[in-house]
């Protein structure tokens, strides 16, 4: 399995709504990070939306990534035939083999039956590509598995995020049991859960990889028998500091700590 970075490794530096950096990290800044940290995989997610790039910008990205030997993966929101077709074209332009999709968007929350209908229509668009559907807050892992299996294509699998399903009330053991065999891409996101001071609830916060609840060796061991997951990217939920520049500095430090911990587990 190949280890890489994501535009969500540096979410605050790329830009969080309402917290725009003075100089946002763009695709070339992300490639700089790959080169600095010695990784050869970059997944560009929906926080740096590739469908807004013009042809010249995509061409520059493809050329730079190829010259640096960095494999690209693309990511988007809004699982529709139109959006998947658009990103399949973009993926091929960038030499990407994987498209990671979040089903929902701000104004788009399809039913499971509607998702299956979209997936069935998308299958002809996927020649030479893998479509990884990310587990997110709204659907349980079992429902996501049923939707993907109903599409009946080995081109469609799961982008397994290690923390997102907490929002659906499910832990990683449940997610792995349901979605492990379908996993084609892994988002390594460590986290910590603490009870709030008044004892009436819990907070979930991100941590550098290896500093939270996530058991990375066990996770990789559980996925290995299925032999479908070829790439993993680091994502971070970095809690903000009072000043954005301090948050971005902490995020960068967490990326370094995380990669130091993760690299020994990957070839």
C-alpha atoms as a PDB file:
ATOM      1  CA  UNK A   1       0.000   0.000   0.000  1.00  0.00           C
ATOM      2  CA  UNK A   2       1.308   3.441  -0.953  1.00  0.00           C
ATOM      3  CA  UNK A   3       1.222   6.323   1.570  1.00  0.00           C
ATOM      4  CA  UNK A   4       0.439   9.870   0.522  1.00  0.00           C
ATOM      5  CA  UNK A   5      -0.800  13.302   1.471  1.00  0.00           C
ATOM      6  CA  UNK A   6      -4.183  14.892   0.897  1.00  0.00           C
ATOM      7  CA  UNK A   7      -5.464  18.406   0.486  1.00  0.00           C
ATOM      8  CA  UNK A   8      -7.180  17.551   3.799  1.00  0.00           C
ATOM      9  CA  UNK A   9      -3.811  16.967   5.461  1.00  0.00           C
ATOM     10  CA  UNK A  10      -3.506  20.741   5.219  1.00  0.00           C
ATOM     11  CA  UNK A  11      -7.170  21.727   5.398  1.00  0.00           C
ATOM     12  CA  UNK A  12      -6.615  24.995   7.250  1.00  0.00           C
ATOM     13  CA  UNK A  13      -3.771  26.028   4.925  1.00  0.00           C
ATOM     14  CA  UNK A  14      -5.879  25.257   1.841  1.00  0.00           C
ATOM     15  CA  UNK A  15      -8.801  27.132   3.370  1.00  0.00           C
ATOM     16  CA  UNK A  16     -11.762  26.404   5.621  1.00  0.00           C
ATOM     17  CA  UNK A  17     -14.975  28.378   4.905  1.00  0.00           C
ATOM     18  CA  UNK A  18     -14.905  31.548   6.960  1.00  0.00           C
ATOM     19  CA  UNK A  19     -11.185  31.172   7.685  1.00  0.00           C
ATOM     20  CA  UNK A  20      -9.401  32.011   4.440  1.00  0.00           C
ATOM     21  CA  UNK A  21      -5.588  32.221   4.717  1.00  0.00           C
ATOM     22  CA  UNK A  22      -3.838  35.248   3.288  1.00  0.00           C
ATOM     23  CA  UNK A  23      -2.011  32.911   0.895  1.00  0.00           C
ATOM     24  CA  UNK A  24      -3.953  29.658   0.538  1.00  0.00           C
ATOM     25  CA  UNK A  25      -2.020  26.491  -0.194  1.00  0.00           C
ATOM     26  CA  UNK A  26      -2.707  25.519  -3.799  1.00  0.00           C
ATOM     27  CA  UNK A  27      -1.971  22.372  -5.800  1.00  0.00           C
ATOM     28  CA  UNK A  28       1.665  23.358  -6.302  1.00  0.00           C
ATOM     29  CA  UNK A  29       2.061  24.030  -2.599  1.00  0.00           C
ATOM     30  CA  UNK A  30       0.698  20.550  -1.971  1.00  0.00           C
ATOM     31  CA  UNK A  31       3.200  19.086  -4.423  1.00  0.00           C
ATOM     32  CA  UNK A  32       5.915  21.012  -2.588  1.00  0.00           C
ATOM     33  CA  UNK A  33       4.792  19.280   0.602  1.00  0.00           C
ATOM     34  CA  UNK A  34       5.003  15.882  -1.105  1.00  0.00           C
ATOM     35  CA  UNK A  35       8.532  16.608  -2.242  1.00  0.00           C
ATOM     36  CA  UNK A  36       9.573  17.964   1.152  1.00  0.00           C
ATOM     37  CA  UNK A  37       8.253  14.920   2.973  1.00  0.00           C
ATOM     38  CA  UNK A  38       9.363  12.313   0.447  1.00  0.00           C
ATOM     39  CA  UNK A  39       5.940  10.953  -0.501  1.00  0.00           C
ATOM     40  CA  UNK A  40       4.836  10.135  -4.030  1.00  0.00           C
ATOM     41  CA  UNK A  41       1.049  10.263  -3.742  1.00  0.00           C
ATOM     42  CA  UNK A  42      -1.293  13.267  -3.521  1.00  0.00           C
ATOM     43  CA  UNK A  43      -5.072  13.139  -3.258  1.00  0.00           C
ATOM     44  CA  UNK A  44      -6.731  16.462  -4.114  1.00  0.00           C
ATOM     45  CA  UNK A  45     -10.137  16.601  -2.453  1.00  0.00           C
ATOM     46  CA  UNK A  46     -13.194  18.785  -2.739  1.00  0.00           C
ATOM     47  CA  UNK A  47     -11.635  21.561  -0.640  1.00  0.00           C
ATOM     48  CA  UNK A  48      -9.540  22.329  -3.746  1.00  0.00           C
ATOM     49  CA  UNK A  49     -12.226  21.602  -6.373  1.00  0.00           C
ATOM     50  CA  UNK A  50     -10.632  20.471  -9.612  1.00  0.00           C
ATOM     51  CA  UNK A  51     -13.787  21.119 -11.636  1.00  0.00           C
ATOM     52  CA  UNK A  52     -13.107  24.846 -11.170  1.00  0.00           C
ATOM     53  CA  UNK A  53      -9.651  24.569 -12.809  1.00  0.00           C
ATOM     54  CA  UNK A  54      -9.271  25.665 -16.415  1.00  0.00           C
ATOM     55  CA  UNK A  55      -7.435  23.551 -18.979  1.00  0.00           C
ATOM     56  CA  UNK A  56      -4.150  25.395 -18.591  1.00  0.00           C
ATOM     57  CA  UNK A  57      -4.146  24.957 -14.813  1.00  0.00           C
ATOM     58  CA  UNK A  58      -4.894  21.239 -15.093  1.00  0.00           C
ATOM     59  CA  UNK A  59      -2.134  20.859 -17.664  1.00  0.00           C
ATOM     60  CA  UNK A  60       0.396  22.556 -15.374  1.00  0.00           C
ATOM     61  CA  UNK A  61      -0.634  20.283 -12.502  1.00  0.00           C
ATOM     62  CA  UNK A  62      -0.325  17.151 -14.634  1.00  0.00           C
ATOM     63  CA  UNK A  63       3.084  18.195 -15.946  1.00  0.00           C
ATOM     64  CA  UNK A  64       4.477  19.086 -12.517  1.00  0.00           C
ATOM     65  CA  UNK A  65       3.170  15.892 -10.872  1.00  0.00           C
ATOM     66  CA  UNK A  66       4.653  13.762 -13.651  1.00  0.00           C
ATOM     67  CA  UNK A  67       8.014  15.521 -13.427  1.00  0.00           C
ATOM     68  CA  UNK A  68       8.101  15.013  -9.633  1.00  0.00           C
ATOM     69  CA  UNK A  69       6.955  11.386  -9.910  1.00  0.00           C
ATOM     70  CA  UNK A  70       3.900  12.068  -7.736  1.00  0.00           C
ATOM     71  CA  UNK A  71       0.819   9.924  -8.367  1.00  0.00           C
ATOM     72  CA  UNK A  72      -2.397  11.966  -8.271  1.00  0.00           C
ATOM     73  CA  UNK A  73      -5.851  11.003  -7.046  1.00  0.00           C
ATOM     74  CA  UNK A  74      -8.924  13.203  -7.407  1.00  0.00           C
ATOM     75  CA  UNK A  75     -11.793  13.880  -5.025  1.00  0.00           C
ATOM     76  CA  UNK A  76     -15.203  15.489  -5.223  1.00  0.00           C
ATOM     77  CA  UNK A  77     -18.623  15.840  -3.656  1.00  0.00           C
ATOM     78  CA  UNK A  78     -22.080  15.287  -5.188  1.00  0.00           C
ATOM     79  CA  UNK A  79     -22.391  11.794  -6.594  1.00  0.00           C
ATOM     80  CA  UNK A  80     -24.234  12.336  -9.864  1.00  0.00           C
ATOM     81  CA  UNK A  81     -23.600  10.998 -13.337  1.00  0.00           C
ATOM     82  CA  UNK A  82     -22.707  14.504 -14.510  1.00  0.00           C
ATOM     83  CA  UNK A  83     -20.143  15.077 -11.751  1.00  0.00           C
ATOM     84  CA  UNK A  84     -18.606  11.604 -12.035  1.00  0.00           C
ATOM     85  CA  UNK A  85     -18.298  12.000 -15.818  1.00  0.00           C
ATOM     86  CA  UNK A  86     -16.634  15.381 -15.312  1.00  0.00           C
ATOM     87  CA  UNK A  87     -14.143  13.983 -12.820  1.00  0.00           C
ATOM     88  CA  UNK A  88     -13.452  10.872 -14.900  1.00  0.00           C
ATOM     89  CA  UNK A  89     -12.302  13.188 -17.671  1.00  0.00           C
ATOM     90  CA  UNK A  90     -10.196  15.185 -15.212  1.00  0.00           C
ATOM     91  CA  UNK A  91      -8.698  12.030 -13.692  1.00  0.00           C
ATOM     92  CA  UNK A  92      -7.570  10.799 -17.090  1.00  0.00           C
ATOM     93  CA  UNK A  93      -6.019  14.192 -17.876  1.00  0.00           C
ATOM     94  CA  UNK A  94      -4.056  14.009 -14.630  1.00  0.00           C
ATOM     95  CA  UNK A  95      -3.096  10.351 -14.941  1.00  0.00           C
ATOM     96  CA  UNK A  96      -5.133   9.554 -11.816  1.00  0.00           C
ATOM     97  CA  UNK A  97      -6.530   6.060 -11.303  1.00  0.00           C
ATOM     98  CA  UNK A  98      -8.789   6.770  -8.317  1.00  0.00           C
ATOM     99  CA  UNK A  99     -11.730   9.119  -7.836  1.00  0.00           C
ATOM    100  CA  UNK A 100     -12.864   9.574  -4.237  1.00  0.00           C
ATOM    101  CA  UNK A 101     -16.452  10.810  -3.908  1.00  0.00           C
ATOM    102  CA  UNK A 102     -18.571  11.995  -1.007  1.00  0.00           C
ATOM    103  CA  UNK A 103     -22.187  11.256  -1.927  1.00  0.00           C
ATOM    104  CA  UNK A 104     -23.792  14.362  -0.445  1.00  0.00           C
ATOM    105  CA  UNK A 105     -23.455  18.071  -1.096  1.00  0.00           C
ATOM    106  CA  UNK A 106     -24.941  21.079   0.665  1.00  0.00           C
ATOM    107  CA  UNK A 107     -28.179  20.867  -1.347  1.00  0.00           C
ATOM    108  CA  UNK A 108     -27.989  17.209  -2.389  1.00  0.00           C
ATOM    109  CA  UNK A 109     -28.946  14.300  -0.114  1.00  0.00           C
ATOM    110  CA  UNK A 110     -30.120  11.402  -2.282  1.00  0.00           C
ATOM    111  CA  UNK A 111     -31.902   8.318  -0.977  1.00  0.00           C
ATOM    112  CA  UNK A 112     -30.119   4.955  -1.104  1.00  0.00           C
ATOM    113  CA  UNK A 113     -32.185   3.937  -4.143  1.00  0.00           C
ATOM    114  CA  UNK A 114     -31.231   7.160  -5.925  1.00  0.00           C
ATOM    115  CA  UNK A 115     -27.559   6.538  -5.138  1.00  0.00           C
ATOM    116  CA  UNK A 116     -27.761   3.033  -6.620  1.00  0.00           C
ATOM    117  CA  UNK A 117     -29.407   4.427  -9.759  1.00  0.00           C
ATOM    118  CA  UNK A 118     -26.595   6.968 -10.152  1.00  0.00           C
ATOM    119  CA  UNK A 119     -23.907   4.326  -9.602  1.00  0.00           C
ATOM    120  CA  UNK A 120     -25.413   2.044 -12.235  1.00  0.00           C
ATOM    121  CA  UNK A 121     -25.317   4.903 -14.725  1.00  0.00           C
ATOM    122  CA  UNK A 122     -21.729   5.749 -13.779  1.00  0.00           C
ATOM    123  CA  UNK A 123     -20.272   2.290 -14.416  1.00  0.00           C
ATOM    124  CA  UNK A 124     -19.629   2.863 -18.169  1.00  0.00           C
ATOM    125  CA  UNK A 125     -17.620   6.000 -17.270  1.00  0.00           C
ATOM    126  CA  UNK A 126     -15.128   4.054 -15.155  1.00  0.00           C
ATOM    127  CA  UNK A 127     -12.978   2.210 -17.685  1.00  0.00           C
ATOM    128  CA  UNK A 128      -9.473   2.213 -16.229  1.00  0.00           C
ATOM    129  CA  UNK A 129     -10.615   4.029 -13.070  1.00  0.00           C
ATOM    130  CA  UNK A 130     -11.699   3.173  -9.534  1.00  0.00           C
ATOM    131  CA  UNK A 131     -14.534   5.059  -7.856  1.00  0.00           C
ATOM    132  CA  UNK A 132     -14.166   5.124  -4.067  1.00  0.00           C
ATOM    133  CA  UNK A 133     -17.285   6.185  -2.170  1.00  0.00           C
ATOM    134  CA  UNK A 134     -16.356   7.695   1.188  1.00  0.00           C
ATOM    135  CA  UNK A 135     -18.135   6.656   4.366  1.00  0.00           C
ATOM    136  CA  UNK A 136     -19.574   9.849   5.806  1.00  0.00           C
ATOM    137  CA  UNK A 137     -22.051  10.969   8.435  1.00  0.00           C
ATOM    138  CA  UNK A 138     -25.457  10.168   6.939  1.00  0.00           C
ATOM    139  CA  UNK A 139     -25.351   6.519   5.866  1.00  0.00           C
ATOM    140  CA  UNK A 140     -24.405   3.606   8.073  1.00  0.00           C
ATOM    141  CA  UNK A 141     -21.649   1.316   6.850  1.00  0.00           C
ATOM    142  CA  UNK A 142     -24.156  -1.459   6.137  1.00  0.00           C
ATOM    143  CA  UNK A 143     -26.284   0.856   3.985  1.00  0.00           C
ATOM    144  CA  UNK A 144     -23.211   2.050   2.080  1.00  0.00           C
ATOM    145  CA  UNK A 145     -22.147  -1.556   1.492  1.00  0.00           C
ATOM    146  CA  UNK A 146     -25.587  -2.465   0.175  1.00  0.00           C
ATOM    147  CA  UNK A 147     -25.580   0.485  -2.233  1.00  0.00           C
ATOM    148  CA  UNK A 148     -22.148  -0.338  -3.619  1.00  0.00           C
ATOM    149  CA  UNK A 149     -22.848  -4.054  -3.945  1.00  0.00           C
ATOM    150  CA  UNK A 150     -26.100  -3.250  -5.768  1.00  0.00           C
ATOM    151  CA  UNK A 151     -24.084  -1.435  -8.436  1.00  0.00           C
ATOM    152  CA  UNK A 152     -22.397  -4.750  -9.239  1.00  0.00           C
ATOM    153  CA  UNK A 153     -19.071  -3.381 -10.473  1.00  0.00           C
ATOM    154  CA  UNK A 154     -15.563  -4.075  -9.203  1.00  0.00           C
ATOM    155  CA  UNK A 155     -14.705  -0.538 -10.381  1.00  0.00           C
ATOM    156  CA  UNK A 156     -16.727   0.839  -7.455  1.00  0.00           C
ATOM    157  CA  UNK A 157     -15.527   0.461  -3.889  1.00  0.00           C
ATOM    158  CA  UNK A 158     -15.102   2.332  -0.635  1.00  0.00           C
ATOM    159  CA  UNK A 159     -12.824   5.159   0.403  1.00  0.00           C
ATOM    160  CA  UNK A 160     -12.630   4.147   4.054  1.00  0.00           C
ATOM    161  CA  UNK A 161     -12.231   7.067   6.441  1.00  0.00           C
ATOM    162  CA  UNK A 162     -11.230   5.991   9.932  1.00  0.00           C
ATOM    163  CA  UNK A 163     -13.208   8.692  11.782  1.00  0.00           C
ATOM    164  CA  UNK A 164     -16.157   9.884   9.674  1.00  0.00           C
ATOM    165  CA  UNK A 165     -18.565   7.133  10.706  1.00  0.00           C
ATOM    166  CA  UNK A 166     -18.483   8.361  14.285  1.00  0.00           C
ATOM    167  CA  UNK A 167     -21.015  10.862  12.936  1.00  0.00           C
ATOM    168  CA  UNK A 168     -23.298   7.940  12.080  1.00  0.00           C
ATOM    169  CA  UNK A 169     -22.870   6.432  15.546  1.00  0.00           C
ATOM    170  CA  UNK A 170     -20.471   3.698  14.432  1.00  0.00           C
ATOM    171  CA  UNK A 171     -16.970   2.745  15.491  1.00  0.00           C
ATOM    172  CA  UNK A 172     -14.149   1.540  13.282  1.00  0.00           C
ATOM    173  CA  UNK A 173     -14.680  -2.152  14.035  1.00  0.00           C
ATOM    174  CA  UNK A 174     -18.194  -1.937  12.608  1.00  0.00           C
ATOM    175  CA  UNK A 175     -16.976   0.032   9.602  1.00  0.00           C
ATOM    176  CA  UNK A 176     -14.188  -2.455   8.876  1.00  0.00           C
ATOM    177  CA  UNK A 177     -16.492  -5.437   9.213  1.00  0.00           C
ATOM    178  CA  UNK A 178     -18.935  -3.995   6.677  1.00  0.00           C
ATOM    179  CA  UNK A 179     -16.644  -2.087   4.340  1.00  0.00           C
ATOM    180  CA  UNK A 180     -13.184  -3.670   4.638  1.00  0.00           C
ATOM    181  CA  UNK A 181     -13.720  -6.062   1.701  1.00  0.00           C
ATOM    182  CA  UNK A 182     -14.805  -3.142  -0.507  1.00  0.00           C
ATOM    183  CA  UNK A 183     -12.032  -0.708   0.459  1.00  0.00           C
ATOM    184  CA  UNK A 184      -9.987   0.683  -2.445  1.00  0.00           C
ATOM    185  CA  UNK A 185      -8.549   3.728  -0.658  1.00  0.00           C
ATOM    186  CA  UNK A 186      -7.858   4.586   2.981  1.00  0.00           C
ATOM    187  CA  UNK A 187      -8.063   7.908   4.819  1.00  0.00           C
ATOM    188  CA  UNK A 188      -5.915   7.687   7.939  1.00  0.00           C
ATOM    189  CA  UNK A 189      -7.427  10.157  10.394  1.00  0.00           C
ATOM    190  CA  UNK A 190      -6.543   9.774  14.077  1.00  0.00           C
ATOM    191  CA  UNK A 191      -8.771  11.170  16.805  1.00  0.00           C
ATOM    192  CA  UNK A 192      -9.326  11.388  20.538  1.00  0.00           C
ATOM    193  CA  UNK A 193     -12.582  11.343  22.516  1.00  0.00           C
ATOM    194  CA  UNK A 194     -12.843  13.120  25.874  1.00  0.00           C
ATOM    195  CA  UNK A 195     -15.749  13.673  28.236  1.00  0.00           C
ATOM    196  CA  UNK A 196     -16.682  17.354  28.581  1.00  0.00           C
ATOM    197  CA  UNK A 197     -16.049  18.986  31.979  1.00  0.00           C
ATOM    198  CA  UNK A 198     -19.727  18.994  32.985  1.00  0.00           C
ATOM    199  CA  UNK A 199     -19.823  15.222  32.151  1.00  0.00           C
ATOM    200  CA  UNK A 200     -22.879  15.605  29.897  1.00  0.00           C
ATOM    201  CA  UNK A 201     -21.361  14.471  26.628  1.00  0.00           C
ATOM    202  CA  UNK A 202     -18.111  14.001  24.764  1.00  0.00           C
ATOM    203  CA  UNK A 203     -15.846  15.949  22.424  1.00  0.00           C
ATOM    204  CA  UNK A 204     -14.188  14.335  19.394  1.00  0.00           C
ATOM    205  CA  UNK A 205     -10.975  16.014  18.283  1.00  0.00           C
ATOM    206  CA  UNK A 206      -8.264  15.189  15.798  1.00  0.00           C
ATOM    207  CA  UNK A 207      -4.775  14.052  16.741  1.00  0.00           C
ATOM    208  CA  UNK A 208      -1.563  13.412  14.815  1.00  0.00           C
ATOM    209  CA  UNK A 209      -1.412   9.834  13.552  1.00  0.00           C
ATOM    210  CA  UNK A 210      -0.254   7.596  16.372  1.00  0.00           C
ATOM    211  CA  UNK A 211      -1.350  10.013  19.110  1.00  0.00           C
ATOM    212  CA  UNK A 212      -5.041   9.121  19.302  1.00  0.00           C
ATOM    213  CA  UNK A 213      -7.343   6.127  19.493  1.00  0.00           C
ATOM    214  CA  UNK A 214      -6.564   4.786  16.016  1.00  0.00           C
ATOM    215  CA  UNK A 215      -4.607   1.518  16.024  1.00  0.00           C
ATOM    216  CA  UNK A 216      -2.868   1.838  12.660  1.00  0.00           C
ATOM    217  CA  UNK A 217      -1.002  -1.523  12.662  1.00  0.00           C
ATOM    218  CA  UNK A 218      -4.231  -3.384  13.455  1.00  0.00           C
ATOM    219  CA  UNK A 219      -6.121  -1.383  10.824  1.00  0.00           C
ATOM    220  CA  UNK A 220      -3.634  -2.266   8.097  1.00  0.00           C
ATOM    221  CA  UNK A 221      -3.554  -5.893   9.218  1.00  0.00           C
ATOM    222  CA  UNK A 222      -7.344  -6.109   8.953  1.00  0.00           C
ATOM    223  CA  UNK A 223      -7.399  -4.618   5.444  1.00  0.00           C
ATOM    224  CA  UNK A 224      -4.486  -6.648   4.059  1.00  0.00           C
ATOM    225  CA  UNK A 225      -6.351  -9.928   3.321  1.00  0.00           C
ATOM    226  CA  UNK A 226      -8.747  -8.204   0.916  1.00  0.00           C
ATOM    227  CA  UNK A 227      -5.899  -6.902  -1.305  1.00  0.00           C
ATOM    228  CA  UNK A 228      -8.029  -4.154  -2.854  1.00  0.00           C
ATOM    229  CA  UNK A 229      -6.708  -1.114  -1.016  1.00  0.00           C
ATOM    230  CA  UNK A 230      -3.599   0.142  -2.816  1.00  0.00           C
ATOM    231  CA  UNK A 231      -3.303   3.709  -1.485  1.00  0.00           C
ATOM    232  CA  UNK A 232      -3.682   5.498   1.846  1.00  0.00           C
ATOM    233  CA  UNK A 233      -3.588   9.222   2.538  1.00  0.00           C
ATOM    234  CA  UNK A 234      -3.147  11.137   5.759  1.00  0.00           C
ATOM    235  CA  UNK A 235      -5.973  13.443   6.777  1.00  0.00           C
ATOM    236  CA  UNK A 236      -5.962  15.701   9.837  1.00  0.00           C
ATOM    237  CA  UNK A 237      -8.676  17.209  11.999  1.00  0.00           C
ATOM    238  CA  UNK A 238      -6.458  19.881  13.540  1.00  0.00           C
ATOM    239  CA  UNK A 239      -8.252  21.817  16.322  1.00  0.00           C
ATOM    240  CA  UNK A 240      -7.887  25.557  15.717  1.00  0.00           C
ATOM    241  CA  UNK A 241      -5.776  27.965  17.712  1.00  0.00           C
ATOM    242  CA  UNK A 242      -6.847  31.547  18.364  1.00  0.00           C
ATOM    243  CA  UNK A 243      -4.904  32.808  15.359  1.00  0.00           C
ATOM    244  CA  UNK A 244      -5.188  31.187  11.929  1.00  0.00           C
ATOM    245  CA  UNK A 245      -1.449  31.382  11.345  1.00  0.00           C
ATOM    246  CA  UNK A 246      -0.868  29.399  14.552  1.00  0.00           C
ATOM    247  CA  UNK A 247      -3.431  26.816  13.457  1.00  0.00           C
ATOM    248  CA  UNK A 248      -1.663  26.404  10.115  1.00  0.00           C
ATOM    249  CA  UNK A 249       1.699  26.034  11.874  1.00  0.00           C
ATOM    250  CA  UNK A 250       0.252  23.363  14.192  1.00  0.00           C
ATOM    251  CA  UNK A 251      -1.264  21.554  11.216  1.00  0.00           C
ATOM    252  CA  UNK A 252       2.125  21.488   9.472  1.00  0.00           C
ATOM    253  CA  UNK A 253       3.808  20.159  12.627  1.00  0.00           C
ATOM    254  CA  UNK A 254       1.131  17.452  12.959  1.00  0.00           C
ATOM    255  CA  UNK A 255       1.754  16.408   9.356  1.00  0.00           C
ATOM    256  CA  UNK A 256       5.450  15.902  10.141  1.00  0.00           C
ATOM    257  CA  UNK A 257       4.690  13.921  13.323  1.00  0.00           C
ATOM    258  CA  UNK A 258       2.113  11.807  11.523  1.00  0.00           C
ATOM    259  CA  UNK A 259       4.364  10.919   8.612  1.00  0.00           C
ATOM    260  CA  UNK A 260       7.216  10.000  10.941  1.00  0.00           C
ATOM    261  CA  UNK A 261       4.866   7.579  12.663  1.00  0.00           C
ATOM    262  CA  UNK A 262       3.236   6.177   9.507  1.00  0.00           C
ATOM    263  CA  UNK A 263       6.127   5.683   7.094  1.00  0.00           C
ATOM    264  CA  UNK A 264       7.515   2.512   8.748  1.00  0.00           C
ATOM    265  CA  UNK A 265       4.190   0.749   8.073  1.00  0.00           C
ATOM    266  CA  UNK A 266       4.267   1.401   4.323  1.00  0.00           C
ATOM    267  CA  UNK A 267       6.507   0.220   1.513  1.00  0.00           C
END
